[in-house]
């Protein structure tokens, strides 16, 4: 009988140790969100004119490259008046009179301007009202042409190297 009890106790012990342990669970949702901010970047290529001739306008082109958040609408590119702008001769934000300088102690200038059209009829201004709207953004680089012109008949400019620095800005 003792052997029987021992066998029964062994069976009960094995059965109770292999029974699964019970555990409770609870659940909830995790809310995940993100915000994509409106951003733009801007860069330019150099506007390099050929050797100036006083008899005809000297034209050149460059590019402004913008990259704005996809779907952004209404971003505008403006160009400042430049380092050597003539602010006394009727220059306005809408139509600045930009000048290249030879950098001498008593500087000499060549008048030029930047335009938003190939016909060089629309001066690229330095305020959002006179800037150029870039196409609806795609999130990739978008290239827009810059058209430059040095006016003809600037006969007082002596030989030399002339330059200017103009700040390009994208407003969004």
Protein backbone atom coordinates (compact mmCIF):
# COMPACT_ATOMS: atom_id res chain seq x y z
CA UNK A 1 0.00 0.00 0.00
CA UNK A 2 2.84 2.23 0.76
CA UNK A 3 4.15 1.73 -2.70
CA UNK A 4 0.80 2.65 -4.12
CA UNK A 5 0.65 5.88 -2.13
CA UNK A 6 4.13 6.75 -3.20
CA UNK A 7 3.22 6.16 -6.86
CA UNK A 8 0.06 8.26 -6.52
CA UNK A 9 1.99 11.08 -4.82
CA UNK A 10 4.58 10.97 -7.62
CA UNK A 11 1.86 11.20 -10.29
CA UNK A 12 0.22 14.13 -8.49
CA UNK A 13 3.56 15.86 -8.07
CA UNK A 14 4.42 15.45 -11.77
CA UNK A 15 0.95 16.61 -12.84
CA UNK A 16 1.05 19.73 -10.67
CA UNK A 17 4.55 20.74 -11.81
CA UNK A 18 3.72 20.52 -15.53
CA UNK A 19 0.57 22.65 -15.29
CA UNK A 20 0.98 26.04 -17.00
CA UNK A 21 1.43 29.07 -14.81
CA UNK A 22 -1.36 31.56 -15.19
CA UNK A 23 -0.44 35.23 -15.88
CA UNK A 24 -2.60 38.27 -16.61
CA UNK A 25 -2.23 40.62 -19.60
CA UNK A 26 -3.40 44.12 -20.40
CA UNK A 27 -3.17 46.17 -23.61
CA UNK A 28 -3.29 49.76 -24.79
CA UNK A 29 -2.60 51.71 -27.98
CA UNK A 30 0.58 53.65 -28.61
CA UNK A 31 -0.07 56.86 -30.54
CA UNK A 32 2.73 57.64 -33.01
CA UNK A 33 2.99 61.02 -34.77
CA UNK A 34 5.46 63.22 -36.62
CA UNK A 35 5.52 66.74 -37.98
CA UNK A 36 7.17 67.69 -41.26
CA UNK A 37 8.24 71.30 -41.05
CA UNK A 38 8.27 73.68 -43.99
CA UNK A 39 11.91 74.26 -44.93
CA UNK A 40 13.86 75.47 -47.93
CA UNK A 41 17.49 75.66 -48.92
CA UNK A 42 19.01 77.87 -51.62
CA UNK A 43 22.22 77.96 -53.62
CA UNK A 44 23.40 79.63 -56.82
CA UNK A 45 25.82 79.14 -59.66
CA UNK A 46 28.15 82.00 -60.60
CA UNK A 47 27.02 84.66 -63.08
CA UNK A 48 30.11 85.21 -65.23
CA UNK A 49 30.03 87.76 -68.02
CA UNK A 50 32.27 87.57 -71.09
CA UNK A 51 34.79 90.36 -71.72
CA UNK A 52 32.79 93.57 -71.82
CA UNK A 53 32.28 95.46 -75.06
CA UNK A 54 30.87 98.97 -74.91
CA UNK A 55 28.94 98.56 -78.18
CA UNK A 56 26.43 95.87 -77.19
CA UNK A 57 24.84 94.65 -73.96
CA UNK A 58 26.76 91.80 -72.36
CA UNK A 59 24.40 88.98 -71.35
CA UNK A 60 25.03 85.97 -69.12
CA UNK A 61 22.97 83.37 -67.28
CA UNK A 62 23.27 81.55 -63.99
CA UNK A 63 20.97 79.44 -61.85
CA UNK A 64 19.36 79.56 -58.46
CA UNK A 65 18.72 76.12 -56.95
CA UNK A 66 16.04 75.75 -54.30
CA UNK A 67 14.93 72.69 -52.40
CA UNK A 68 11.76 73.09 -50.35
CA UNK A 69 9.54 70.68 -48.44
CA UNK A 70 7.27 68.79 -50.81
CA UNK A 71 3.98 70.57 -51.47
CA UNK A 72 5.17 73.96 -50.22
CA UNK A 73 3.46 76.65 -52.31
CA UNK A 74 4.36 80.31 -52.74
CA UNK A 75 8.06 80.35 -51.86
CA UNK A 76 9.79 83.36 -53.43
CA UNK A 77 13.40 83.97 -54.39
CA UNK A 78 14.81 87.49 -54.11
CA UNK A 79 18.22 88.98 -54.81
CA UNK A 80 19.64 91.86 -52.79
CA UNK A 81 20.83 95.08 -54.39
CA UNK A 82 24.46 93.98 -54.16
CA UNK A 83 27.52 95.51 -52.51
CA UNK A 84 27.83 98.45 -54.89
CA UNK A 85 24.20 99.38 -55.67
CA UNK A 86 23.54 102.95 -56.73
CA UNK A 87 21.05 104.02 -54.09
CA UNK A 88 21.09 107.69 -55.09
CA UNK A 89 19.94 107.53 -58.70
CA UNK A 90 16.32 106.49 -58.26
CA UNK A 91 17.08 102.93 -57.25
CA UNK A 92 14.17 101.19 -55.60
CA UNK A 93 13.60 97.79 -54.10
CA UNK A 94 11.51 96.95 -57.15
CA UNK A 95 14.27 97.90 -59.61
CA UNK A 96 17.65 98.23 -57.89
CA UNK A 97 20.53 99.69 -59.88
CA UNK A 98 23.20 97.07 -59.35
CA UNK A 99 26.86 97.77 -60.12
CA UNK A 100 30.07 95.83 -60.52
CA UNK A 101 33.14 97.50 -59.01
CA UNK A 102 36.80 97.24 -59.91
CA UNK A 103 37.61 97.52 -56.18
CA UNK A 104 40.11 100.36 -56.62
CA UNK A 105 40.59 103.11 -54.06
CA UNK A 106 38.43 105.38 -56.20
CA UNK A 107 36.17 102.65 -57.60
CA UNK A 108 34.95 102.44 -61.16
CA UNK A 109 31.62 100.78 -61.88
CA UNK A 110 29.75 98.87 -64.56
CA UNK A 111 25.98 98.96 -64.23
CA UNK A 112 24.27 95.58 -64.57
CA UNK A 113 21.09 93.92 -63.47
CA UNK A 114 19.46 90.57 -62.82
CA UNK A 115 16.27 89.55 -64.60
CA UNK A 116 13.74 86.80 -64.19
CA UNK A 117 12.99 86.48 -67.92
CA UNK A 118 15.15 85.63 -70.93
CA UNK A 119 14.09 88.88 -72.64
CA UNK A 120 15.58 90.78 -69.70
CA UNK A 121 12.50 92.91 -69.20
CA UNK A 122 11.61 92.06 -65.59
CA UNK A 123 14.20 93.10 -63.00
CA UNK A 124 14.62 90.51 -60.27
CA UNK A 125 14.00 92.60 -57.16
CA UNK A 126 15.00 92.30 -53.54
CA UNK A 127 11.62 92.17 -51.80
CA UNK A 128 9.05 89.36 -51.73
CA UNK A 129 6.77 91.62 -53.80
CA UNK A 130 9.38 91.71 -56.59
CA UNK A 131 10.79 88.23 -56.11
CA UNK A 132 10.14 85.20 -58.28
CA UNK A 133 7.72 82.52 -57.11
CA UNK A 134 9.27 79.09 -57.47
CA UNK A 135 7.06 76.23 -58.66
CA UNK A 136 5.23 74.12 -56.08
CA UNK A 137 7.96 72.31 -54.19
CA UNK A 138 8.69 68.65 -54.80
CA UNK A 139 11.23 68.00 -52.05
CA UNK A 140 13.95 67.85 -54.73
CA UNK A 141 16.24 70.49 -56.20
CA UNK A 142 14.48 72.93 -58.52
CA UNK A 143 16.55 75.09 -60.83
CA UNK A 144 15.46 78.55 -61.96
CA UNK A 145 17.43 80.63 -64.48
CA UNK A 146 18.91 84.02 -63.61
CA UNK A 147 19.46 86.33 -66.56
CA UNK A 148 22.11 89.03 -66.22
CA UNK A 149 22.95 92.00 -68.41
CA UNK A 150 25.64 94.66 -68.36
CA UNK A 151 24.32 97.66 -70.23
CA UNK A 152 26.13 98.87 -73.38
CA UNK A 153 27.75 102.30 -73.77
CA UNK A 154 29.54 102.40 -70.41
CA UNK A 155 32.58 104.00 -71.97
CA UNK A 156 34.07 105.47 -68.78
CA UNK A 157 34.93 102.09 -67.25
CA UNK A 158 38.69 101.44 -67.48
CA UNK A 159 40.18 98.01 -68.08
CA UNK A 160 40.16 95.74 -65.04
CA UNK A 161 38.31 93.01 -63.23
CA UNK A 162 34.87 93.96 -61.90
CA UNK A 163 32.75 92.06 -59.40
CA UNK A 164 29.83 92.28 -57.01
CA UNK A 165 28.26 90.08 -54.35
CA UNK A 166 24.48 89.74 -54.21
CA UNK A 167 22.61 87.91 -51.45
CA UNK A 168 20.07 85.34 -52.68
CA UNK A 169 17.15 84.67 -50.33
CA UNK A 170 14.23 82.24 -50.41
CA UNK A 171 11.20 83.32 -48.37
CA UNK A 172 8.59 80.68 -47.53
